[in-house]
Amino acid sequence: MGKKNKHSSYRERSLDLHGIIHSEVPLIVENYILITPTPFVLITGNSHKMKLICTALLDTHKFKYNAKGTFFNPGTIEVFS
C-alpha cells in the first residue's frame, strides 16, 4: 500500500459551492459542516457574499478556519476544527 500524504484526507473532503444560489447556501453548508469530519474545504469562488454566509455559519458552530484561501486559490475556506 502506498504512503498516504498527511493532507490527502483534507483535500478529499470539500464542498464546491459554484453554481449554488446564495439563498440555498445556508442549508447546504450547515448540513455539510455538521456531518463532515474536519479538516475540509469550502469552495466559495470569489463571491464575498458567499464567504460571509459560510463564515457566519462556521462562527455559529464555533469552527476554526482560514477564510483567506491560498495564493493560488483565494476562493476557498479551510476548516480545521
Protein backbone atom coordinates (compact mmCIF):
# COMPACT_ATOMS: atom_id res chain seq x y z
CA MET A 1 0.00 0.00 0.00
CA GLY A 2 1.34 3.45 -0.90
CA LYS A 3 2.16 6.11 1.62
CA LYS A 4 -0.70 8.49 2.21
CA ASN A 5 0.01 12.21 2.21
CA LYS A 6 -0.92 13.65 5.60
CA HIS A 7 -3.10 16.23 3.82
CA SER A 8 -4.83 13.82 1.43
CA SER A 9 -7.99 13.43 3.53
CA TYR A 10 -8.13 17.21 3.84
CA ARG A 11 -8.02 17.60 0.08
CA GLU A 12 -10.58 14.84 -0.48
CA ARG A 13 -13.23 16.49 1.71
CA SER A 14 -14.56 19.61 0.08
CA LEU A 15 -17.84 21.26 -0.76
CA ASP A 16 -17.89 23.16 -4.06
CA LEU A 17 -20.49 25.92 -3.96
CA HIS A 18 -20.04 27.06 -7.55
CA GLY A 19 -23.46 27.31 -9.19
CA ILE A 20 -25.40 27.30 -5.90
CA ILE A 21 -27.61 30.36 -5.39
CA HIS A 22 -26.99 32.34 -2.22
CA SER A 23 -30.41 31.59 -0.72
CA GLU A 24 -29.67 27.82 -0.81
CA VAL A 25 -26.17 28.07 0.67
CA PRO A 26 -27.01 28.24 4.41
CA LEU A 27 -28.87 24.93 4.48
CA ILE A 28 -26.34 23.14 2.26
CA VAL A 29 -23.32 24.42 4.17
CA GLU A 30 -24.79 23.87 7.62
CA ASN A 31 -25.66 20.27 6.80
CA TYR A 32 -22.19 19.69 5.36
CA ILE A 33 -20.22 21.23 8.23
CA LEU A 34 -22.21 19.33 10.85
CA ILE A 35 -21.74 15.88 9.29
CA THR A 36 -18.28 16.14 7.72
CA PRO A 37 -15.22 15.47 9.86
CA THR A 38 -12.60 18.20 9.86
CA PRO A 39 -10.43 19.20 8.16
CA PHE A 40 -12.28 20.11 4.97
CA VAL A 41 -12.52 22.92 2.41
CA LEU A 42 -15.46 25.05 1.36
CA ILE A 43 -15.01 26.27 -2.21
CA THR A 44 -16.78 29.61 -2.44
CA GLY A 45 -15.25 31.16 -5.50
CA ASN A 46 -14.61 34.88 -5.32
CA SER A 47 -18.09 35.82 -4.07
CA HIS A 48 -17.74 37.98 -0.98
CA LYS A 49 -21.38 37.28 -0.04
CA MET A 50 -20.81 33.51 -0.28
CA LYS A 51 -17.80 33.77 2.04
CA LEU A 52 -19.81 35.86 4.53
CA ILE A 53 -22.61 33.29 4.60
CA CYS A 54 -20.15 30.43 5.14
CA THR A 55 -18.05 32.16 7.79
CA ALA A 56 -21.18 33.20 9.72
CA LEU A 57 -22.23 29.54 9.89
CA LEU A 58 -18.73 28.45 10.88
CA ASP A 59 -18.71 31.08 13.64
CA THR A 60 -22.14 29.98 14.86
CA HIS A 61 -20.90 26.42 15.25
CA LYS A 62 -17.51 27.53 16.65
CA PHE A 63 -15.30 26.11 13.90
CA LYS A 64 -11.73 27.31 13.39
CA TYR A 65 -11.00 28.28 9.80
CA ASN A 66 -8.90 30.27 7.37
CA ALA A 67 -11.09 32.30 5.03
CA LYS A 68 -8.19 33.87 3.15
CA GLY A 69 -7.74 30.85 0.92
CA THR A 70 -4.38 30.33 -0.70
CA PHE A 71 -2.24 32.44 -3.00
CA PHE A 72 -3.27 30.32 -5.96
CA ASN A 73 -6.92 29.86 -4.90
CA PRO A 74 -8.33 32.70 -2.78
CA GLY A 75 -11.88 31.39 -3.23
CA THR A 76 -11.65 28.74 -0.52
CA ILE A 77 -12.22 28.46 3.21
CA GLU A 78 -10.08 25.90 5.01
CA VAL A 79 -11.88 24.49 8.04
CA PHE A 80 -9.78 22.89 10.78
CA SER A 81 -11.95 22.07 13.78
